[in-house]
Structures are given as C-alpha cells and as structure tokens.
Amino acid sequence: MENQIQESIETEAKKEFRPEKEKHVGLAIIAYLLFFVPLLTEAKDDVFVKYHVKQGFVLFLSAVITNIISISPLPFIGILLQFGLVILFFIGIINVLHEKKEPLPFIGQFADKFTF
C-alpha cells in the first residue's frame, strides 16, 4: 500500500514538471510582445503557442490601427483605444499563465482568419 502511494506521488510530480510546457508558456507570453518570435522557434507547431501567436498578431494589427487613429483629428479616441489595448494585452498574458485558449474580447475572433 505504501509503495503504491509513493509511486502515485512520484507520478504526479513527473506530470507537474514538464520543461517543454514551461518553455511553450514562455513563448506564448512572448507572442503578445513580439508575435513573430515564437514562429522562429521549434514551438511554431505547438497548438497552444500558435493560438496565442494569432491573438498577438491581431493585437498588433489593432495597435497599428489605433496609432493611425491617434494621429487623426480625434486623438482622444485613439488614447482610449490604446488604453483598451493595454488591458487586452494583460488579459492575453493572464490567459497564457492559466493555460487557457480564450479569444481576446472584441478582437480575438479575428485571429482564426489567419494561418501561420
């Protein structure tokens, strides 16, 4: 009985420590900062990383559009949108840390339209 308990504990410990999982979580976080970096690594075929790369790419495109709006005659709207993008950035990072594949609010559904 004691042997089975020890084996169970060792099995659980092995499940928890997976260096490749930690590496992929790190690359998924980087995807929100520089979306193209994970595409240059061996993790580019990982489904989790690829999902967050697409989310990061849509966030990047949204930032470009927001910056264009900011230099228009309506800079206040651009500033509000930039603040919203910062919030979306943190939501994306939190999703990665919780190992979730949830789309970002408002813009996340557009990520499925891209293939990398």
C-alpha atoms as a PDB file:
ATOM      1  CA  MET A   1       0.000   0.000   0.000  1.00  0.00           C
ATOM      2  CA  GLU A   2       2.746   2.414   0.969  1.00  0.00           C
ATOM      3  CA  ASN A   3       4.582   1.573  -2.242  1.00  0.00           C
ATOM      4  CA  GLN A   4       1.529   2.484  -4.323  1.00  0.00           C
ATOM      5  CA  ILE A   5       1.187   5.820  -2.563  1.00  0.00           C
ATOM      6  CA  GLN A   6       4.866   6.593  -3.185  1.00  0.00           C
ATOM      7  CA  GLU A   7       4.504   5.680  -6.886  1.00  0.00           C
ATOM      8  CA  SER A   8       1.415   7.868  -7.144  1.00  0.00           C
ATOM      9  CA  ILE A   9       3.251  10.828  -5.627  1.00  0.00           C
ATOM     10  CA  GLU A  10       6.216  10.340  -7.979  1.00  0.00           C
ATOM     11  CA  THR A  11       3.894  10.093 -10.989  1.00  0.00           C
ATOM     12  CA  GLU A  12       2.161  13.341 -10.043  1.00  0.00           C
ATOM     13  CA  ALA A  13       5.495  15.086  -9.547  1.00  0.00           C
ATOM     14  CA  LYS A  14       6.620  13.991 -13.004  1.00  0.00           C
ATOM     15  CA  LYS A  15       3.402  15.296 -14.536  1.00  0.00           C
ATOM     16  CA  GLU A  16       3.811  18.714 -12.942  1.00  0.00           C
ATOM     17  CA  PHE A  17       7.376  19.320 -14.127  1.00  0.00           C
ATOM     18  CA  ARG A  18       7.488  19.446 -17.892  1.00  0.00           C
ATOM     19  CA  PRO A  19      10.227  21.765 -19.159  1.00  0.00           C
ATOM     20  CA  GLU A  20       8.759  21.867 -22.666  1.00  0.00           C
ATOM     21  CA  LYS A  21       5.450  23.081 -21.205  1.00  0.00           C
ATOM     22  CA  GLU A  22       7.223  25.879 -19.346  1.00  0.00           C
ATOM     23  CA  LYS A  23       9.110  26.799 -22.495  1.00  0.00           C
ATOM     24  CA  HIS A  24       5.921  26.927 -24.542  1.00  0.00           C
ATOM     25  CA  VAL A  25       4.182  29.079 -21.948  1.00  0.00           C
ATOM     26  CA  GLY A  26       7.113  31.485 -22.118  1.00  0.00           C
ATOM     27  CA  LEU A  27       6.924  31.605 -25.900  1.00  0.00           C
ATOM     28  CA  ALA A  28       3.167  32.152 -25.755  1.00  0.00           C
ATOM     29  CA  ILE A  29       3.772  35.155 -23.481  1.00  0.00           C
ATOM     30  CA  ILE A  30       6.401  36.472 -25.899  1.00  0.00           C
ATOM     31  CA  ALA A  31       3.787  36.165 -28.659  1.00  0.00           C
ATOM     32  CA  TYR A  32       1.920  39.097 -27.119  1.00  0.00           C
ATOM     33  CA  LEU A  33       5.069  41.235 -27.103  1.00  0.00           C
ATOM     34  CA  LEU A  34       6.613  40.250 -30.444  1.00  0.00           C
ATOM     35  CA  PHE A  35       4.209  37.915 -32.208  1.00  0.00           C
ATOM     36  CA  PHE A  36       6.739  36.692 -34.787  1.00  0.00           C
ATOM     37  CA  VAL A  37       9.428  35.438 -32.360  1.00  0.00           C
ATOM     38  CA  PRO A  38       7.699  32.126 -31.490  1.00  0.00           C
ATOM     39  CA  LEU A  39       7.320  31.464 -35.216  1.00  0.00           C
ATOM     40  CA  LEU A  40      11.120  31.339 -35.451  1.00  0.00           C
ATOM     41  CA  THR A  41      11.445  28.535 -32.873  1.00  0.00           C
ATOM     42  CA  GLU A  42      10.661  24.831 -32.792  1.00  0.00           C
ATOM     43  CA  ALA A  43       7.457  25.632 -30.870  1.00  0.00           C
ATOM     44  CA  LYS A  44       5.871  27.093 -34.001  1.00  0.00           C
ATOM     45  CA  ASP A  45       3.976  23.829 -34.495  1.00  0.00           C
ATOM     46  CA  ASP A  46       2.634  23.759 -30.946  1.00  0.00           C
ATOM     47  CA  VAL A  47      -1.125  24.377 -30.995  1.00  0.00           C
ATOM     48  CA  PHE A  48      -1.093  26.424 -27.776  1.00  0.00           C
ATOM     49  CA  VAL A  49       1.731  28.701 -28.937  1.00  0.00           C
ATOM     50  CA  LYS A  50       0.249  29.121 -32.412  1.00  0.00           C
ATOM     51  CA  TYR A  51      -3.113  30.122 -30.921  1.00  0.00           C
ATOM     52  CA  HIS A  52      -1.509  32.886 -28.856  1.00  0.00           C
ATOM     53  CA  VAL A  53       0.682  33.980 -31.777  1.00  0.00           C
ATOM     54  CA  LYS A  54      -2.507  34.615 -33.746  1.00  0.00           C
ATOM     55  CA  GLN A  55      -4.024  36.518 -30.819  1.00  0.00           C
ATOM     56  CA  GLY A  56      -0.824  38.575 -30.505  1.00  0.00           C
ATOM     57  CA  PHE A  57      -0.867  39.304 -34.236  1.00  0.00           C
ATOM     58  CA  VAL A  58      -4.439  40.615 -34.070  1.00  0.00           C
ATOM     59  CA  LEU A  59      -3.476  42.720 -31.053  1.00  0.00           C
ATOM     60  CA  PHE A  60      -0.523  44.110 -33.043  1.00  0.00           C
ATOM     61  CA  LEU A  61      -2.756  44.982 -36.014  1.00  0.00           C
ATOM     62  CA  SER A  62      -5.188  46.653 -33.629  1.00  0.00           C
ATOM     63  CA  ALA A  63      -2.333  48.706 -32.181  1.00  0.00           C
ATOM     64  CA  VAL A  64      -1.299  49.862 -35.664  1.00  0.00           C
ATOM     65  CA  ILE A  65      -4.869  50.923 -36.456  1.00  0.00           C
ATOM     66  CA  THR A  66      -5.174  52.632 -33.075  1.00  0.00           C
ATOM     67  CA  ASN A  67      -1.962  54.578 -33.665  1.00  0.00           C
ATOM     68  CA  ILE A  68      -3.297  55.780 -37.011  1.00  0.00           C
ATOM     69  CA  ILE A  69      -6.482  56.936 -35.272  1.00  0.00           C
ATOM     70  CA  SER A  70      -4.368  58.705 -32.620  1.00  0.00           C
ATOM     71  CA  ILE A  71      -2.763  60.998 -35.191  1.00  0.00           C
ATOM     72  CA  SER A  72      -6.122  61.846 -36.737  1.00  0.00           C
ATOM     73  CA  PRO A  73      -8.236  64.841 -35.679  1.00  0.00           C
ATOM     74  CA  LEU A  74      -9.711  62.589 -32.958  1.00  0.00           C
ATOM     75  CA  PRO A  75      -6.696  61.849 -30.739  1.00  0.00           C
ATOM     76  CA  PHE A  76      -8.814  61.364 -27.608  1.00  0.00           C
ATOM     77  CA  ILE A  77     -10.488  58.309 -29.126  1.00  0.00           C
ATOM     78  CA  GLY A  78      -7.065  56.916 -30.026  1.00  0.00           C
ATOM     79  CA  ILE A  79      -5.860  57.347 -26.458  1.00  0.00           C
ATOM     80  CA  LEU A  80      -8.896  55.488 -25.117  1.00  0.00           C
ATOM     81  CA  LEU A  81      -8.358  52.695 -27.630  1.00  0.00           C
ATOM     82  CA  GLN A  82      -4.682  52.432 -26.668  1.00  0.00           C
ATOM     83  CA  PHE A  83      -5.664  52.075 -23.029  1.00  0.00           C
ATOM     84  CA  GLY A  84      -8.061  49.305 -24.059  1.00  0.00           C
ATOM     85  CA  LEU A  85      -5.273  47.538 -25.950  1.00  0.00           C
ATOM     86  CA  VAL A  86      -3.091  47.572 -22.839  1.00  0.00           C
ATOM     87  CA  ILE A  87      -5.917  45.879 -20.956  1.00  0.00           C
ATOM     88  CA  LEU A  88      -6.262  43.287 -23.747  1.00  0.00           C
ATOM     89  CA  PHE A  89      -2.509  42.684 -23.573  1.00  0.00           C
ATOM     90  CA  PHE A  90      -2.765  41.815 -19.883  1.00  0.00           C
ATOM     91  CA  ILE A  91      -5.818  39.622 -20.496  1.00  0.00           C
ATOM     92  CA  GLY A  92      -3.791  37.689 -23.076  1.00  0.00           C
ATOM     93  CA  ILE A  93      -0.885  37.208 -20.664  1.00  0.00           C
ATOM     94  CA  ILE A  94      -3.271  36.037 -17.934  1.00  0.00           C
ATOM     95  CA  ASN A  95      -4.850  33.554 -20.362  1.00  0.00           C
ATOM     96  CA  VAL A  96      -1.410  32.133 -21.129  1.00  0.00           C
ATOM     97  CA  LEU A  97      -0.482  31.833 -17.464  1.00  0.00           C
ATOM     98  CA  HIS A  98      -3.740  29.972 -16.796  1.00  0.00           C
ATOM     99  CA  GLU A  99      -3.100  27.850 -19.906  1.00  0.00           C
ATOM    100  CA  LYS A 100      -6.382  28.925 -21.494  1.00  0.00           C
ATOM    101  CA  LYS A 101      -7.143  29.248 -25.169  1.00  0.00           C
ATOM    102  CA  GLU A 102      -9.730  32.004 -24.937  1.00  0.00           C
ATOM    103  CA  PRO A 103     -10.019  34.735 -27.558  1.00  0.00           C
ATOM    104  CA  LEU A 104      -9.335  38.301 -26.514  1.00  0.00           C
ATOM    105  CA  PRO A 105     -12.513  40.341 -26.036  1.00  0.00           C
ATOM    106  CA  PHE A 106     -13.665  42.320 -29.091  1.00  0.00           C
ATOM    107  CA  ILE A 107     -10.734  41.416 -31.372  1.00  0.00           C
ATOM    108  CA  GLY A 108      -9.911  37.775 -30.626  1.00  0.00           C
ATOM    109  CA  GLN A 109     -12.432  36.270 -33.031  1.00  0.00           C
ATOM    110  CA  PHE A 110     -10.494  37.720 -35.985  1.00  0.00           C
ATOM    111  CA  ALA A 111      -7.425  35.624 -35.129  1.00  0.00           C
ATOM    112  CA  ASP A 112      -8.956  32.472 -36.615  1.00  0.00           C
ATOM    113  CA  LYS A 113      -8.863  34.062 -40.046  1.00  0.00           C
ATOM    114  CA  PHE A 114      -5.046  33.975 -40.120  1.00  0.00           C
ATOM    115  CA  THR A 115      -2.861  30.973 -40.837  1.00  0.00           C
ATOM    116  CA  PHE A 116       0.789  30.794 -39.916  1.00  0.00           C
END
